[in-house]
Amino acid sequence: MTYTITDIGLLKMYIYIWAFIVTLVITGLVYLLNNLIQFTYQSKKKKDAGIRRINFLIGLNVNVVAVFFITILIVNNYFRPSVAENNVIVVINALERTINLVTWLSIPLYVVLFLAATLLLRNKYYKNMTILKSNNKILGIKKIKGLRHG
């Protein structure tokens, strides 16, 4: 049995749906994990915001890897019954642009979902706001008020 264009179109839809679900789950896990980190109230030892930012970036990397490998797994499992073993590589090559696109789109999707959850739930789960802004720094970068010349 060979694959058809409608099967590939359906598979692309499955890939996008699963990538969104995986990104949503990983974003939720990182969001909840960051809420478990306690505040440190000692001056000049505010490591909790840094730990939350590191968790955010680790979650971003895990998300990209998970979306990529789950996409490959979906392609492999979807076509295994209908395509001979040596033709699965041909199908993956045919879907290469979709796999790359989904993997790259998972990055801004993760960031947007995290920011949306942070802004919508900031009254109840306020600790994630420290990833965005803490100690007059935005994303850990100190503002430069003005440069003097001369």
N, C-alpha and C. Protein backbone atom coordinates (compact mmCIF):
# COMPACT_ATOMS: atom_id res chain seq x y z
N MET A 1 0.84 -1.18 0.00
CA MET A 1 0.00 0.00 0.00
C MET A 1 0.89 1.24 0.00
N THR A 2 0.55 2.22 -0.77
CA THR A 2 1.35 3.44 -0.85
C THR A 2 0.59 4.57 -0.17
N TYR A 3 1.33 5.61 0.17
CA TYR A 3 0.69 6.75 0.82
C TYR A 3 0.17 7.70 -0.24
N THR A 4 -0.86 8.44 0.11
CA THR A 4 -1.46 9.38 -0.83
C THR A 4 -1.29 10.79 -0.31
N ILE A 5 -1.66 11.74 -1.14
CA ILE A 5 -1.55 13.15 -0.74
C ILE A 5 -2.48 13.44 0.44
N THR A 6 -3.67 12.85 0.47
CA THR A 6 -4.58 13.11 1.59
C THR A 6 -4.01 12.56 2.88
N ASP A 7 -3.31 11.42 2.81
CA ASP A 7 -2.70 10.88 4.02
C ASP A 7 -1.62 11.82 4.54
N ILE A 8 -0.84 12.39 3.65
CA ILE A 8 0.21 13.32 4.08
C ILE A 8 -0.42 14.60 4.63
N GLY A 9 -1.50 15.08 4.02
CA GLY A 9 -2.20 16.25 4.54
C GLY A 9 -2.77 16.00 5.92
N LEU A 10 -3.35 14.82 6.12
CA LEU A 10 -3.87 14.45 7.43
C LEU A 10 -2.74 14.33 8.45
N LEU A 11 -1.64 13.76 8.02
CA LEU A 11 -0.49 13.62 8.91
C LEU A 11 0.07 14.99 9.32
N LYS A 12 0.09 15.93 8.38
CA LYS A 12 0.55 17.28 8.73
C LYS A 12 -0.34 17.90 9.79
N MET A 13 -1.65 17.67 9.66
CA MET A 13 -2.58 18.20 10.67
C MET A 13 -2.30 17.55 12.03
N TYR A 14 -2.08 16.25 12.05
CA TYR A 14 -1.74 15.56 13.30
C TYR A 14 -0.45 16.12 13.90
N ILE A 15 0.52 16.39 13.05
CA ILE A 15 1.81 16.91 13.52
C ILE A 15 1.61 18.26 14.21
N TYR A 16 0.84 19.14 13.59
CA TYR A 16 0.60 20.46 14.19
C TYR A 16 -0.17 20.35 15.51
N ILE A 17 -1.16 19.47 15.55
CA ILE A 17 -1.94 19.31 16.78
C ILE A 17 -1.07 18.75 17.91
N TRP A 18 -0.30 17.71 17.61
CA TRP A 18 0.55 17.12 18.66
C TRP A 18 1.64 18.08 19.10
N ALA A 19 2.19 18.86 18.19
CA ALA A 19 3.21 19.84 18.58
C ALA A 19 2.61 20.87 19.53
N PHE A 20 1.38 21.31 19.27
CA PHE A 20 0.72 22.26 20.15
C PHE A 20 0.47 21.65 21.53
N ILE A 21 0.01 20.39 21.54
CA ILE A 21 -0.29 19.72 22.82
C ILE A 21 0.99 19.53 23.63
N VAL A 22 2.06 19.08 22.97
CA VAL A 22 3.34 18.88 23.68
C VAL A 22 3.85 20.21 24.24
N THR A 23 3.78 21.26 23.44
CA THR A 23 4.23 22.58 23.90
C THR A 23 3.38 23.07 25.06
N LEU A 24 2.09 22.85 25.00
CA LEU A 24 1.20 23.26 26.08
C LEU A 24 1.51 22.51 27.37
N VAL A 25 1.74 21.22 27.29
CA VAL A 25 2.05 20.42 28.47
C VAL A 25 3.38 20.83 29.09
N ILE A 26 4.41 21.00 28.27
CA ILE A 26 5.72 21.37 28.79
C ILE A 26 5.68 22.77 29.38
N THR A 27 4.97 23.68 28.74
CA THR A 27 4.83 25.03 29.29
C THR A 27 4.14 24.99 30.65
N GLY A 28 3.09 24.21 30.75
CA GLY A 28 2.39 24.09 32.04
C GLY A 28 3.26 23.49 33.13
N LEU A 29 4.04 22.47 32.77
CA LEU A 29 4.93 21.87 33.77
C LEU A 29 5.99 22.85 34.25
N VAL A 30 6.59 23.58 33.33
CA VAL A 30 7.61 24.57 33.72
C VAL A 30 6.98 25.68 34.54
N TYR A 31 5.78 26.09 34.16
CA TYR A 31 5.09 27.14 34.89
C TYR A 31 4.83 26.72 36.34
N LEU A 32 4.33 25.50 36.51
CA LEU A 32 4.06 25.01 37.86
C LEU A 32 5.34 24.75 38.65
N LEU A 33 6.38 24.27 37.97
CA LEU A 33 7.66 24.04 38.63
C LEU A 33 8.25 25.35 39.16
N ASN A 34 8.12 26.41 38.39
CA ASN A 34 8.63 27.70 38.82
C ASN A 34 7.86 28.25 40.02
N ASN A 35 6.62 27.87 40.16
CA ASN A 35 5.85 28.33 41.33
C ASN A 35 6.26 27.62 42.61
N LEU A 36 6.92 26.48 42.50
CA LEU A 36 7.36 25.75 43.68
C LEU A 36 8.65 26.32 44.29
N ILE A 37 9.37 27.14 43.54
CA ILE A 37 10.64 27.70 44.02
C ILE A 37 10.31 28.84 44.98
N GLN A 38 10.88 28.76 46.17
CA GLN A 38 10.62 29.76 47.21
C GLN A 38 11.42 31.03 46.96
N PHE A 39 10.87 32.14 47.40
CA PHE A 39 11.57 33.42 47.32
C PHE A 39 12.71 33.44 48.34
N THR A 40 13.83 34.08 47.98
CA THR A 40 14.88 34.36 48.94
C THR A 40 14.80 35.85 49.25
N TYR A 41 14.63 36.17 50.49
CA TYR A 41 14.42 37.56 50.89
C TYR A 41 15.69 38.26 51.34
N GLN A 42 16.83 37.60 51.24
CA GLN A 42 18.09 38.23 51.63
C GLN A 42 18.55 39.15 50.49
N SER A 43 19.04 40.32 50.86
CA SER A 43 19.48 41.25 49.84
C SER A 43 20.75 40.72 49.16
N LYS A 44 20.88 40.97 47.90
CA LYS A 44 22.01 40.59 47.05
C LYS A 44 22.17 39.08 46.91
N LYS A 45 21.19 38.31 47.32
CA LYS A 45 21.25 36.86 47.15
C LYS A 45 19.96 36.37 46.51
N LYS A 46 19.47 37.12 45.57
CA LYS A 46 18.22 36.77 44.91
C LYS A 46 18.50 35.79 43.78
N LYS A 47 18.69 34.55 44.14
CA LYS A 47 18.98 33.51 43.16
C LYS A 47 17.71 32.86 42.63
N ASP A 48 16.59 33.10 43.28
CA ASP A 48 15.37 32.43 42.87
C ASP A 48 14.91 32.88 41.49
N ALA A 49 15.06 34.14 41.15
CA ALA A 49 14.68 34.61 39.82
C ALA A 49 15.60 33.99 38.76
N GLY A 50 16.87 33.86 39.09
CA GLY A 50 17.80 33.22 38.16
C GLY A 50 17.46 31.75 37.93
N ILE A 51 17.07 31.08 39.00
CA ILE A 51 16.69 29.67 38.88
C ILE A 51 15.43 29.54 38.03
N ARG A 52 14.49 30.45 38.21
CA ARG A 52 13.27 30.42 37.39
C ARG A 52 13.59 30.67 35.92
N ARG A 53 14.51 31.58 35.65
CA ARG A 53 14.91 31.84 34.25
C ARG A 53 15.61 30.62 33.65
N ILE A 54 16.44 29.96 34.44
CA ILE A 54 17.12 28.75 33.95
C ILE A 54 16.08 27.66 33.68
N ASN A 55 15.10 27.50 34.56
CA ASN A 55 14.03 26.53 34.32
C ASN A 55 13.27 26.86 33.04
N PHE A 56 13.02 28.15 32.82
CA PHE A 56 12.32 28.58 31.61
C PHE A 56 13.12 28.18 30.37
N LEU A 57 14.43 28.43 30.38
CA LEU A 57 15.26 28.10 29.22
C LEU A 57 15.44 26.59 29.04
N ILE A 58 15.56 25.86 30.15
CA ILE A 58 15.64 24.40 30.04
C ILE A 58 14.33 23.86 29.47
N GLY A 59 13.21 24.40 29.92
CA GLY A 59 11.91 23.99 29.39
C GLY A 59 11.80 24.28 27.90
N LEU A 60 12.36 25.40 27.47
CA LEU A 60 12.36 25.73 26.04
C LEU A 60 13.14 24.70 25.25
N ASN A 61 14.32 24.32 25.75
CA ASN A 61 15.13 23.32 25.05
C ASN A 61 14.46 21.95 25.05
N VAL A 62 13.89 21.56 26.18
CA VAL A 62 13.18 20.27 26.25
C VAL A 62 12.00 20.28 25.29
N ASN A 63 11.33 21.40 25.19
CA ASN A 63 10.19 21.51 24.29
C ASN A 63 10.62 21.29 22.84
N VAL A 64 11.69 21.91 22.42
CA VAL A 64 12.15 21.77 21.03
C VAL A 64 12.52 20.32 20.74
N VAL A 65 13.26 19.71 21.63
CA VAL A 65 13.68 18.31 21.43
C VAL A 65 12.46 17.38 21.44
N ALA A 66 11.54 17.60 22.37
CA ALA A 66 10.36 16.74 22.45
C ALA A 66 9.48 16.87 21.22
N VAL A 67 9.27 18.09 20.75
CA VAL A 67 8.44 18.29 19.56
C VAL A 67 9.09 17.61 18.35
N PHE A 68 10.40 17.74 18.20
CA PHE A 68 11.08 17.12 17.07
C PHE A 68 10.95 15.61 17.10
N PHE A 69 11.25 15.00 18.23
CA PHE A 69 11.23 13.54 18.29
C PHE A 69 9.81 12.98 18.29
N ILE A 70 8.86 13.68 18.88
CA ILE A 70 7.48 13.20 18.82
C ILE A 70 6.94 13.33 17.40
N THR A 71 7.36 14.34 16.68
CA THR A 71 6.97 14.47 15.28
C THR A 71 7.50 13.30 14.46
N ILE A 72 8.76 12.96 14.65
CA ILE A 72 9.34 11.81 13.95
C ILE A 72 8.60 10.53 14.35
N LEU A 73 8.28 10.39 15.64
CA LEU A 73 7.57 9.21 16.12
C LEU A 73 6.18 9.10 15.50
N ILE A 74 5.47 10.22 15.39
CA ILE A 74 4.14 10.22 14.78
C ILE A 74 4.22 9.81 13.32
N VAL A 75 5.20 10.37 12.60
CA VAL A 75 5.37 10.00 11.19
C VAL A 75 5.66 8.52 11.08
N ASN A 76 6.53 8.02 11.91
CA ASN A 76 6.91 6.62 11.86
C ASN A 76 5.73 5.70 12.20
N ASN A 77 4.98 6.03 13.23
CA ASN A 77 3.85 5.19 13.65
C ASN A 77 2.66 5.28 12.69
N TYR A 78 2.44 6.45 12.11
CA TYR A 78 1.30 6.63 11.22
C TYR A 78 1.49 5.83 9.93
N PHE A 79 2.69 5.82 9.40
CA PHE A 79 2.93 5.16 8.12
C PHE A 79 3.47 3.74 8.25
N ARG A 80 3.76 3.27 9.43
CA ARG A 80 4.31 1.92 9.58
C ARG A 80 3.40 0.85 9.00
N PRO A 81 2.08 0.87 9.27
CA PRO A 81 1.25 -0.20 8.71
C PRO A 81 1.10 -0.14 7.18
N SER A 82 1.18 1.06 6.61
CA SER A 82 0.86 1.19 5.20
C SER A 82 2.07 1.32 4.28
N VAL A 83 3.25 1.52 4.83
CA VAL A 83 4.43 1.73 4.00
C VAL A 83 5.48 0.70 4.38
N ALA A 84 6.16 0.21 3.39
CA ALA A 84 7.22 -0.75 3.66
C ALA A 84 8.31 -0.10 4.51
N GLU A 85 9.06 -0.92 5.23
CA GLU A 85 10.05 -0.44 6.20
C GLU A 85 11.08 0.50 5.55
N ASN A 86 11.51 0.19 4.37
CA ASN A 86 12.55 1.02 3.74
C ASN A 86 11.98 2.30 3.14
N ASN A 87 10.66 2.45 3.04
CA ASN A 87 10.07 3.66 2.48
C ASN A 87 9.71 4.70 3.53
N VAL A 88 9.86 4.39 4.82
CA VAL A 88 9.56 5.37 5.87
C VAL A 88 10.50 6.57 5.75
N ILE A 89 11.73 6.32 5.38
CA ILE A 89 12.69 7.42 5.17
C ILE A 89 12.23 8.32 4.03
N VAL A 90 11.64 7.76 3.00
CA VAL A 90 11.12 8.56 1.89
C VAL A 90 9.99 9.47 2.37
N VAL A 91 9.13 8.95 3.23
CA VAL A 91 8.03 9.75 3.78
C VAL A 91 8.58 10.86 4.66
N ILE A 92 9.56 10.55 5.50
CA ILE A 92 10.16 11.56 6.36
C ILE A 92 10.83 12.64 5.52
N ASN A 93 11.48 12.25 4.43
CA ASN A 93 12.08 13.25 3.53
C ASN A 93 11.01 14.11 2.88
N ALA A 94 9.85 13.53 2.56
CA ALA A 94 8.77 14.30 1.97
C ALA A 94 8.18 15.29 2.97
N LEU A 95 8.25 14.96 4.25
CA LEU A 95 7.69 15.84 5.29
C LEU A 95 8.76 16.67 6.00
N GLU A 96 9.94 16.73 5.44
CA GLU A 96 11.05 17.41 6.11
C GLU A 96 10.75 18.87 6.40
N ARG A 97 10.16 19.57 5.44
CA ARG A 97 9.85 20.99 5.66
C ARG A 97 8.83 21.18 6.78
N THR A 98 7.84 20.29 6.83
CA THR A 98 6.83 20.38 7.89
C THR A 98 7.43 20.10 9.25
N ILE A 99 8.28 19.09 9.32
CA ILE A 99 8.92 18.75 10.60
C ILE A 99 9.79 19.90 11.08
N ASN A 100 10.57 20.48 10.18
CA ASN A 100 11.41 21.63 10.57
C ASN A 100 10.57 22.83 10.97
N LEU A 101 9.50 23.09 10.22
CA LEU A 101 8.63 24.24 10.52
C LEU A 101 7.98 24.09 11.89
N VAL A 102 7.47 22.90 12.17
CA VAL A 102 6.81 22.66 13.46
C VAL A 102 7.81 22.80 14.60
N THR A 103 9.00 22.28 14.39
CA THR A 103 10.02 22.39 15.44
C THR A 103 10.38 23.84 15.70
N TRP A 104 10.55 24.64 14.66
CA TRP A 104 10.90 26.05 14.86
C TRP A 104 9.73 26.85 15.39
N LEU A 105 8.51 26.51 15.00
CA LEU A 105 7.34 27.24 15.51
C LEU A 105 7.05 26.93 16.97
N SER A 106 7.57 25.81 17.47
CA SER A 106 7.34 25.48 18.88
C SER A 106 8.07 26.45 19.81
N ILE A 107 9.12 27.09 19.33
CA ILE A 107 9.87 28.04 20.17
C ILE A 107 9.03 29.28 20.49
N PRO A 108 8.54 30.02 19.48
CA PRO A 108 7.72 31.19 19.86
C PRO A 108 6.39 30.79 20.51
N LEU A 109 5.87 29.61 20.18
CA LEU A 109 4.63 29.17 20.81
C LEU A 109 4.84 28.95 22.31
N TYR A 110 5.96 28.35 22.68
CA TYR A 110 6.30 28.14 24.09
C TYR A 110 6.39 29.48 24.82
N VAL A 111 7.10 30.43 24.22
CA VAL A 111 7.29 31.74 24.84
C VAL A 111 5.95 32.47 24.97
N VAL A 112 5.14 32.44 23.92
CA VAL A 112 3.85 33.14 23.95
C VAL A 112 2.91 32.50 24.97
N LEU A 113 2.86 31.17 25.02
CA LEU A 113 2.01 30.51 26.01
C LEU A 113 2.46 30.81 27.43
N PHE A 114 3.77 30.83 27.65
CA PHE A 114 4.28 31.13 28.99
C PHE A 114 3.98 32.57 29.38
N LEU A 115 4.20 33.50 28.46
CA LEU A 115 3.91 34.91 28.76
C LEU A 115 2.43 35.14 28.98
N ALA A 116 1.59 34.49 28.18
CA ALA A 116 0.15 34.64 28.35
C ALA A 116 -0.30 34.10 29.71
N ALA A 117 0.21 32.94 30.09
CA ALA A 117 -0.14 32.38 31.40
C ALA A 117 0.38 33.28 32.51
N THR A 118 1.57 33.82 32.34
CA THR A 118 2.13 34.70 33.37
C THR A 118 1.30 35.96 33.54
N LEU A 119 0.90 36.56 32.43
CA LEU A 119 0.13 37.80 32.52
C LEU A 119 -1.31 37.56 32.97
N LEU A 120 -1.90 36.44 32.57
CA LEU A 120 -3.28 36.17 32.97
C LEU A 120 -3.39 35.70 34.42
N LEU A 121 -2.40 34.98 34.90
CA LEU A 121 -2.46 34.41 36.25
C LEU A 121 -1.51 35.10 37.22
N ARG A 122 -1.13 36.33 36.94
CA ARG A 122 -0.12 36.98 37.78
C ARG A 122 -0.61 37.29 39.18
N ASN A 123 -1.91 37.40 39.40
CA ASN A 123 -2.40 37.65 40.75
C ASN A 123 -2.35 36.40 41.63
N LYS A 124 -2.58 35.24 41.03
CA LYS A 124 -2.58 33.99 41.80
C LYS A 124 -1.19 33.37 41.84
N TYR A 125 -0.52 33.31 40.70
CA TYR A 125 0.82 32.72 40.62
C TYR A 125 1.81 33.83 40.23
N TYR A 126 2.17 34.64 41.17
CA TYR A 126 2.96 35.83 40.91
C TYR A 126 4.45 35.55 40.75
N LYS A 127 4.92 34.37 41.12
CA LYS A 127 6.36 34.11 41.09
C LYS A 127 6.92 34.09 39.68
N ASN A 128 6.11 33.72 38.70
CA ASN A 128 6.60 33.68 37.33
C ASN A 128 6.83 35.06 36.74
N MET A 129 6.29 36.09 37.36
CA MET A 129 6.57 37.46 36.89
C MET A 129 8.04 37.81 37.10
N THR A 130 8.73 37.12 38.03
CA THR A 130 10.14 37.42 38.25
C THR A 130 11.01 36.98 37.07
N ILE A 131 10.49 36.10 36.23
CA ILE A 131 11.23 35.74 35.02
C ILE A 131 11.27 36.93 34.09
N LEU A 132 10.16 37.64 34.01
CA LEU A 132 10.08 38.79 33.11
C LEU A 132 10.76 40.02 33.71
N LYS A 133 10.43 40.31 34.96
CA LYS A 133 10.95 41.54 35.56
C LYS A 133 11.20 41.32 37.05
N SER A 134 12.44 41.60 37.47
CA SER A 134 12.77 41.58 38.89
C SER A 134 13.98 42.48 39.12
N ASN A 135 13.99 43.15 40.26
CA ASN A 135 15.08 44.06 40.62
C ASN A 135 15.35 45.10 39.54
N ASN A 136 14.30 45.65 38.97
CA ASN A 136 14.39 46.64 37.90
C ASN A 136 15.16 46.14 36.68
N LYS A 137 15.12 44.85 36.44
CA LYS A 137 15.74 44.24 35.28
C LYS A 137 14.65 43.53 34.48
N ILE A 138 14.74 43.64 33.18
CA ILE A 138 13.82 42.92 32.31
C ILE A 138 14.58 41.75 31.70
N LEU A 139 14.10 40.54 31.99
CA LEU A 139 14.76 39.29 31.59
C LEU A 139 16.21 39.23 32.08
N GLY A 140 16.46 39.80 33.23
CA GLY A 140 17.79 39.75 33.84
C GLY A 140 18.77 40.74 33.28
N ILE A 141 18.33 41.61 32.38
CA ILE A 141 19.22 42.60 31.77
C ILE A 141 18.94 43.95 32.40
N LYS A 142 19.99 44.57 32.91
CA LYS A 142 19.86 45.86 33.58
C LYS A 142 19.64 46.95 32.54
N LYS A 143 18.74 47.88 32.87
CA LYS A 143 18.46 48.99 31.98
C LYS A 143 19.62 49.98 32.00
N ILE A 144 19.95 50.51 30.84
CA ILE A 144 20.95 51.57 30.73
C ILE A 144 20.17 52.86 30.56
N LYS A 145 20.26 53.75 31.56
CA LYS A 145 19.47 54.98 31.53
C LYS A 145 19.96 55.98 30.49
N GLY A 146 21.22 56.10 30.36
CA GLY A 146 21.75 57.05 29.40
C GLY A 146 23.25 56.92 29.32
N LEU A 147 23.79 57.16 28.18
CA LEU A 147 25.22 57.12 28.00
C LEU A 147 25.76 58.54 27.96
N ARG A 148 26.85 58.76 28.65
CA ARG A 148 27.47 60.08 28.63
C ARG A 148 28.62 60.07 27.65
N HIS A 149 28.70 61.11 26.90
CA HIS A 149 29.78 61.23 25.92
C HIS A 149 30.85 62.16 26.48
N GLY A 150 32.07 61.80 26.20
CA GLY A 150 33.16 62.70 26.47
C GLY A 150 33.75 62.57 27.77
